[in-house]
Amino acid sequence: MSTSVQNTGSGTAAPGKPVGELVFALIIVSIGVLGFVAGAGIQTPPSASDIGPRAFPFAVSALLLVVGAGLVFQVLRGHRGAADEGEDVDLDAKTDWLTVGKLAGFVLLHAFLIVPLGWPLAAALLFFGAAWSLGARPWWRNLITAVVLALVLQFVFAGLLGVSLPPGFLERFGVFGG
């Protein structure tokens, strides 16, 4: 006779020690502290008003510290997150290292091609490579989607927001900025 344990979805805490949750909470606290340190290094001109360039980093850092400290406090008091039910996840499946390798390769290729080819072409290659690596079909639709997405992002960030992204050969078209 075999017995099986059924998860009723009652939100019971995950078994074992809360090491992962505590590490996560401490990372949030660390990011908040790092934000304060980095924010303090922002140069403020003497003519700056009351709310200068340090206000936003300090506000985000304070929020991270409060949330992180709250998480640490809750974990140490024994409050834990509910275990994942994994309704559509095969917990026994092994990692597909070939797909991980392909994705990592396309990310590295993207980093090396940004300057010589420009951001739009390098990003289109990254988007197409990610879709292909994850098994999306048909390939021509992935290619069209990747090119359109890369051009839209180049236009929005460089053309409208003024963020410096290397346009590559698209520099001759003024709308793509650089």
C-alpha atoms as a PDB file:
ATOM      1  CA  MET A   1       0.000   0.000   0.000  1.00  0.00           C
ATOM      2  CA  SER A   2       1.384   3.384  -0.948  1.00  0.00           C
ATOM      3  CA  THR A   3       0.462   6.718   0.457  1.00  0.00           C
ATOM      4  CA  SER A   4       0.536   9.960  -1.408  1.00  0.00           C
ATOM      5  CA  VAL A   5       0.666  13.442  -0.051  1.00  0.00           C
ATOM      6  CA  GLN A   6      -1.760  15.798  -1.699  1.00  0.00           C
ATOM      7  CA  ASN A   7      -1.348  19.543  -1.634  1.00  0.00           C
ATOM      8  CA  THR A   8      -4.730  21.042  -0.923  1.00  0.00           C
ATOM      9  CA  GLY A   9      -3.555  24.565  -1.748  1.00  0.00           C
ATOM     10  CA  SER A  10      -4.186  25.704   1.803  1.00  0.00           C
ATOM     11  CA  GLY A  11      -1.141  28.000   1.765  1.00  0.00           C
ATOM     12  CA  THR A  12       0.943  26.008   4.209  1.00  0.00           C
ATOM     13  CA  ALA A  13       4.526  27.100   4.674  1.00  0.00           C
ATOM     14  CA  ALA A  14       7.356  25.428   2.819  1.00  0.00           C
ATOM     15  CA  PRO A  15       9.134  22.758   4.876  1.00  0.00           C
ATOM     16  CA  GLY A  16      12.719  23.188   6.050  1.00  0.00           C
ATOM     17  CA  LYS A  17      14.749  26.126   7.234  1.00  0.00           C
ATOM     18  CA  PRO A  18      13.986  29.584   5.817  1.00  0.00           C
ATOM     19  CA  VAL A  19      17.549  30.179   4.585  1.00  0.00           C
ATOM     20  CA  GLY A  20      16.503  31.212   1.074  1.00  0.00           C
ATOM     21  CA  GLU A  21      13.890  33.643   2.323  1.00  0.00           C
ATOM     22  CA  LEU A  22      16.317  35.164   4.818  1.00  0.00           C
ATOM     23  CA  VAL A  23      19.017  35.537   2.150  1.00  0.00           C
ATOM     24  CA  PHE A  24      16.510  37.217  -0.172  1.00  0.00           C
ATOM     25  CA  ALA A  25      15.438  39.646   2.568  1.00  0.00           C
ATOM     26  CA  LEU A  26      19.067  40.472   3.399  1.00  0.00           C
ATOM     27  CA  ILE A  27      19.814  41.109  -0.276  1.00  0.00           C
ATOM     28  CA  ILE A  28      16.933  43.617  -0.358  1.00  0.00           C
ATOM     29  CA  VAL A  29      18.385  45.343   2.721  1.00  0.00           C
ATOM     30  CA  SER A  30      21.854  45.352   1.110  1.00  0.00           C
ATOM     31  CA  ILE A  31      20.529  46.926  -2.081  1.00  0.00           C
ATOM     32  CA  GLY A  32      18.871  49.628   0.036  1.00  0.00           C
ATOM     33  CA  VAL A  33      22.125  50.371   1.865  1.00  0.00           C
ATOM     34  CA  LEU A  34      24.017  50.397  -1.436  1.00  0.00           C
ATOM     35  CA  GLY A  35      21.446  52.854  -2.822  1.00  0.00           C
ATOM     36  CA  PHE A  36      22.082  55.243   0.054  1.00  0.00           C
ATOM     37  CA  VAL A  37      25.851  54.999  -0.424  1.00  0.00           C
ATOM     38  CA  ALA A  38      25.582  55.549  -4.179  1.00  0.00           C
ATOM     39  CA  GLY A  39      23.027  58.333  -3.732  1.00  0.00           C
ATOM     40  CA  ALA A  40      25.302  60.157  -1.317  1.00  0.00           C
ATOM     41  CA  GLY A  41      27.928  60.293  -4.058  1.00  0.00           C
ATOM     42  CA  ILE A  42      25.657  62.229  -6.420  1.00  0.00           C
ATOM     43  CA  GLN A  43      27.004  65.735  -6.873  1.00  0.00           C
ATOM     44  CA  THR A  44      24.450  68.420  -6.114  1.00  0.00           C
ATOM     45  CA  PRO A  45      25.048  71.903  -7.504  1.00  0.00           C
ATOM     46  CA  PRO A  46      24.790  74.738  -4.986  1.00  0.00           C
ATOM     47  CA  SER A  47      21.935  76.248  -6.974  1.00  0.00           C
ATOM     48  CA  ALA A  48      19.811  73.105  -6.633  1.00  0.00           C
ATOM     49  CA  SER A  49      16.383  73.455  -5.074  1.00  0.00           C
ATOM     50  CA  ASP A  50      15.228  71.598  -1.981  1.00  0.00           C
ATOM     51  CA  ILE A  51      14.529  68.431  -3.929  1.00  0.00           C
ATOM     52  CA  GLY A  52      17.719  67.645  -5.777  1.00  0.00           C
ATOM     53  CA  PRO A  53      18.976  64.677  -7.728  1.00  0.00           C
ATOM     54  CA  ARG A  54      19.478  62.665  -4.517  1.00  0.00           C
ATOM     55  CA  ALA A  55      15.802  62.655  -3.536  1.00  0.00           C
ATOM     56  CA  PHE A  56      14.639  59.793  -5.747  1.00  0.00           C
ATOM     57  CA  PRO A  57      17.557  57.404  -4.992  1.00  0.00           C
ATOM     58  CA  PHE A  58      17.154  58.123  -1.275  1.00  0.00           C
ATOM     59  CA  ALA A  59      13.391  57.519  -1.413  1.00  0.00           C
ATOM     60  CA  VAL A  60      13.814  54.202  -3.253  1.00  0.00           C
ATOM     61  CA  SER A  61      16.635  53.173  -0.902  1.00  0.00           C
ATOM     62  CA  ALA A  62      14.525  53.980   2.148  1.00  0.00           C
ATOM     63  CA  LEU A  63      11.654  51.935   0.730  1.00  0.00           C
ATOM     64  CA  LEU A  64      14.003  49.006   0.057  1.00  0.00           C
ATOM     65  CA  LEU A  65      15.369  49.201   3.609  1.00  0.00           C
ATOM     66  CA  VAL A  66      11.892  49.259   5.150  1.00  0.00           C
ATOM     67  CA  VAL A  67      10.625  46.372   3.015  1.00  0.00           C
ATOM     68  CA  GLY A  68      13.831  44.354   3.498  1.00  0.00           C
ATOM     69  CA  ALA A  69      13.848  44.900   7.256  1.00  0.00           C
ATOM     70  CA  GLY A  70      10.175  43.929   7.397  1.00  0.00           C
ATOM     71  CA  LEU A  71      10.921  40.741   5.479  1.00  0.00           C
ATOM     72  CA  VAL A  72      13.826  39.873   7.790  1.00  0.00           C
ATOM     73  CA  PHE A  73      11.613  40.508  10.810  1.00  0.00           C
ATOM     74  CA  GLN A  74       8.784  38.356   9.412  1.00  0.00           C
ATOM     75  CA  VAL A  75      11.104  35.461   8.495  1.00  0.00           C
ATOM     76  CA  LEU A  76      12.759  35.519  11.920  1.00  0.00           C
ATOM     77  CA  ARG A  77       9.319  35.468  13.560  1.00  0.00           C
ATOM     78  CA  GLY A  78       8.492  32.300  11.643  1.00  0.00           C
ATOM     79  CA  HIS A  79       6.241  33.722   8.944  1.00  0.00           C
ATOM     80  CA  ARG A  80       7.045  32.002   5.692  1.00  0.00           C
ATOM     81  CA  GLY A  81       5.846  32.109   2.120  1.00  0.00           C
ATOM     82  CA  ALA A  82       3.487  29.429   0.891  1.00  0.00           C
ATOM     83  CA  ALA A  83       5.038  26.528  -0.964  1.00  0.00           C
ATOM     84  CA  ASP A  84       4.656  26.642  -4.721  1.00  0.00           C
ATOM     85  CA  GLU A  85       2.063  24.259  -6.019  1.00  0.00           C
ATOM     86  CA  GLY A  86       3.735  24.007  -9.406  1.00  0.00           C
ATOM     87  CA  GLU A  87       0.518  23.204 -11.205  1.00  0.00           C
ATOM     88  CA  ASP A  88       2.058  23.291 -14.680  1.00  0.00           C
ATOM     89  CA  VAL A  89       5.700  22.773 -13.782  1.00  0.00           C
ATOM     90  CA  ASP A  90       7.357  19.381 -13.936  1.00  0.00           C
ATOM     91  CA  LEU A  91       9.474  19.425 -10.789  1.00  0.00           C
ATOM     92  CA  ASP A  92      11.324  16.302 -11.921  1.00  0.00           C
ATOM     93  CA  ALA A  93      12.402  17.748 -15.282  1.00  0.00           C
ATOM     94  CA  LYS A  94      16.099  18.355 -15.716  1.00  0.00           C
ATOM     95  CA  THR A  95      17.556  21.651 -16.859  1.00  0.00           C
ATOM     96  CA  ASP A  96      17.878  21.964 -20.633  1.00  0.00           C
ATOM     97  CA  TRP A  97      21.483  23.156 -20.712  1.00  0.00           C
ATOM     98  CA  LEU A  98      21.523  23.381 -24.505  1.00  0.00           C
ATOM     99  CA  THR A  99      18.778  26.029 -24.407  1.00  0.00           C
ATOM    100  CA  VAL A 100      20.504  27.847 -21.545  1.00  0.00           C
ATOM    101  CA  GLY A 101      23.748  27.805 -23.533  1.00  0.00           C
ATOM    102  CA  LYS A 102      22.058  29.139 -26.671  1.00  0.00           C
ATOM    103  CA  LEU A 103      20.427  31.971 -24.701  1.00  0.00           C
ATOM    104  CA  ALA A 104      23.710  32.857 -22.984  1.00  0.00           C
ATOM    105  CA  GLY A 105      25.472  32.785 -26.347  1.00  0.00           C
ATOM    106  CA  PHE A 106      22.980  35.199 -27.904  1.00  0.00           C
ATOM    107  CA  VAL A 107      23.298  37.561 -24.925  1.00  0.00           C
ATOM    108  CA  LEU A 108      27.104  37.544 -25.259  1.00  0.00           C
ATOM    109  CA  LEU A 109      26.865  37.997 -29.023  1.00  0.00           C
ATOM    110  CA  HIS A 110      24.533  40.941 -28.447  1.00  0.00           C
ATOM    111  CA  ALA A 111      27.025  42.575 -26.092  1.00  0.00           C
ATOM    112  CA  PHE A 112      29.822  42.265 -28.651  1.00  0.00           C
ATOM    113  CA  LEU A 113      27.743  43.426 -31.645  1.00  0.00           C
ATOM    114  CA  ILE A 114      26.149  46.557 -30.146  1.00  0.00           C
ATOM    115  CA  VAL A 115      28.970  48.912 -31.141  1.00  0.00           C
ATOM    116  CA  PRO A 116      29.923  47.557 -34.571  1.00  0.00           C
ATOM    117  CA  LEU A 117      26.387  46.876 -35.857  1.00  0.00           C
ATOM    118  CA  GLY A 118      24.342  49.278 -33.743  1.00  0.00           C
ATOM    119  CA  TRP A 119      21.764  48.555 -31.088  1.00  0.00           C
ATOM    120  CA  PRO A 120      18.790  47.834 -33.374  1.00  0.00           C
ATOM    121  CA  LEU A 121      20.510  45.125 -35.392  1.00  0.00           C
ATOM    122  CA  ALA A 122      22.179  43.563 -32.353  1.00  0.00           C
ATOM    123  CA  ALA A 123      18.884  43.637 -30.431  1.00  0.00           C
ATOM    124  CA  ALA A 124      16.969  42.115 -33.353  1.00  0.00           C
ATOM    125  CA  LEU A 125      19.504  39.287 -33.441  1.00  0.00           C
ATOM    126  CA  LEU A 126      19.139  38.831 -29.665  1.00  0.00           C
ATOM    127  CA  PHE A 127      15.328  38.773 -29.815  1.00  0.00           C
ATOM    128  CA  PHE A 128      15.305  36.384 -32.772  1.00  0.00           C
ATOM    129  CA  GLY A 129      17.910  34.146 -31.127  1.00  0.00           C
ATOM    130  CA  ALA A 130      15.965  34.016 -27.867  1.00  0.00           C
ATOM    131  CA  ALA A 131      12.743  33.102 -29.668  1.00  0.00           C
ATOM    132  CA  TRP A 132      14.532  30.438 -31.737  1.00  0.00           C
ATOM    133  CA  SER A 133      16.297  29.035 -28.656  1.00  0.00           C
ATOM    134  CA  LEU A 134      13.000  28.698 -26.818  1.00  0.00           C
ATOM    135  CA  GLY A 135      11.424  26.881 -29.764  1.00  0.00           C
ATOM    136  CA  ALA A 136       9.118  29.544 -31.202  1.00  0.00           C
ATOM    137  CA  ARG A 137       7.886  28.800 -34.725  1.00  0.00           C
ATOM    138  CA  PRO A 138       7.742  29.840 -37.547  1.00  0.00           C
ATOM    139  CA  TRP A 139      11.156  31.438 -37.889  1.00  0.00           C
ATOM    140  CA  TRP A 140      10.067  34.196 -40.302  1.00  0.00           C
ATOM    141  CA  ARG A 141       7.467  35.527 -37.844  1.00  0.00           C
ATOM    142  CA  ASN A 142      10.113  35.591 -35.110  1.00  0.00           C
ATOM    143  CA  LEU A 143      12.438  37.522 -37.410  1.00  0.00           C
ATOM    144  CA  ILE A 144       9.793  40.105 -38.309  1.00  0.00           C
ATOM    145  CA  THR A 145       8.789  40.516 -34.665  1.00  0.00           C
ATOM    146  CA  ALA A 146      12.419  40.884 -33.581  1.00  0.00           C
ATOM    147  CA  VAL A 147      13.200  43.564 -36.186  1.00  0.00           C
ATOM    148  CA  VAL A 148      10.019  45.540 -35.460  1.00  0.00           C
ATOM    149  CA  LEU A 149      10.554  45.357 -31.690  1.00  0.00           C
ATOM    150  CA  ALA A 150      14.190  46.447 -31.989  1.00  0.00           C
ATOM    151  CA  LEU A 151      13.304  49.405 -34.237  1.00  0.00           C
ATOM    152  CA  VAL A 152      10.431  50.512 -31.997  1.00  0.00           C
ATOM    153  CA  LEU A 153      12.658  50.343 -28.911  1.00  0.00           C
ATOM    154  CA  GLN A 154      15.423  52.284 -30.707  1.00  0.00           C
ATOM    155  CA  PHE A 155      12.935  54.960 -31.754  1.00  0.00           C
ATOM    156  CA  VAL A 156      11.365  55.267 -28.302  1.00  0.00           C
ATOM    157  CA  PHE A 157      14.566  55.284 -26.271  1.00  0.00           C
ATOM    158  CA  ALA A 158      16.932  57.156 -28.594  1.00  0.00           C
ATOM    159  CA  GLY A 159      14.515  59.215 -30.669  1.00  0.00           C
ATOM    160  CA  LEU A 160      11.950  60.237 -28.054  1.00  0.00           C
ATOM    161  CA  LEU A 161      13.653  59.848 -24.667  1.00  0.00           C
ATOM    162  CA  GLY A 162      17.154  60.869 -25.726  1.00  0.00           C
ATOM    163  CA  VAL A 163      18.814  57.754 -24.299  1.00  0.00           C
ATOM    164  CA  SER A 164      22.073  57.161 -26.125  1.00  0.00           C
ATOM    165  CA  LEU A 165      21.851  53.856 -27.978  1.00  0.00           C
ATOM    166  CA  PRO A 166      24.273  53.326 -30.849  1.00  0.00           C
ATOM    167  CA  PRO A 167      22.119  53.399 -34.001  1.00  0.00           C
ATOM    168  CA  GLY A 168      24.678  51.775 -36.301  1.00  0.00           C
ATOM    169  CA  PHE A 169      23.730  52.163 -39.944  1.00  0.00           C
ATOM    170  CA  LEU A 170      20.383  53.753 -38.937  1.00  0.00           C
ATOM    171  CA  GLU A 171      22.189  56.935 -37.925  1.00  0.00           C
ATOM    172  CA  ARG A 172      21.474  58.444 -41.345  1.00  0.00           C
ATOM    173  CA  PHE A 173      17.769  58.350 -40.447  1.00  0.00           C
ATOM    174  CA  GLY A 174      17.391  61.152 -37.925  1.00  0.00           C
ATOM    175  CA  VAL A 175      14.409  59.670 -36.104  1.00  0.00           C
ATOM    176  CA  PHE A 176      16.497  56.888 -34.534  1.00  0.00           C
ATOM    177  CA  GLY A 177      18.841  59.233 -32.653  1.00  0.00           C
ATOM    178  CA  GLY A 178      22.080  58.073 -31.182  1.00  0.00           C
END
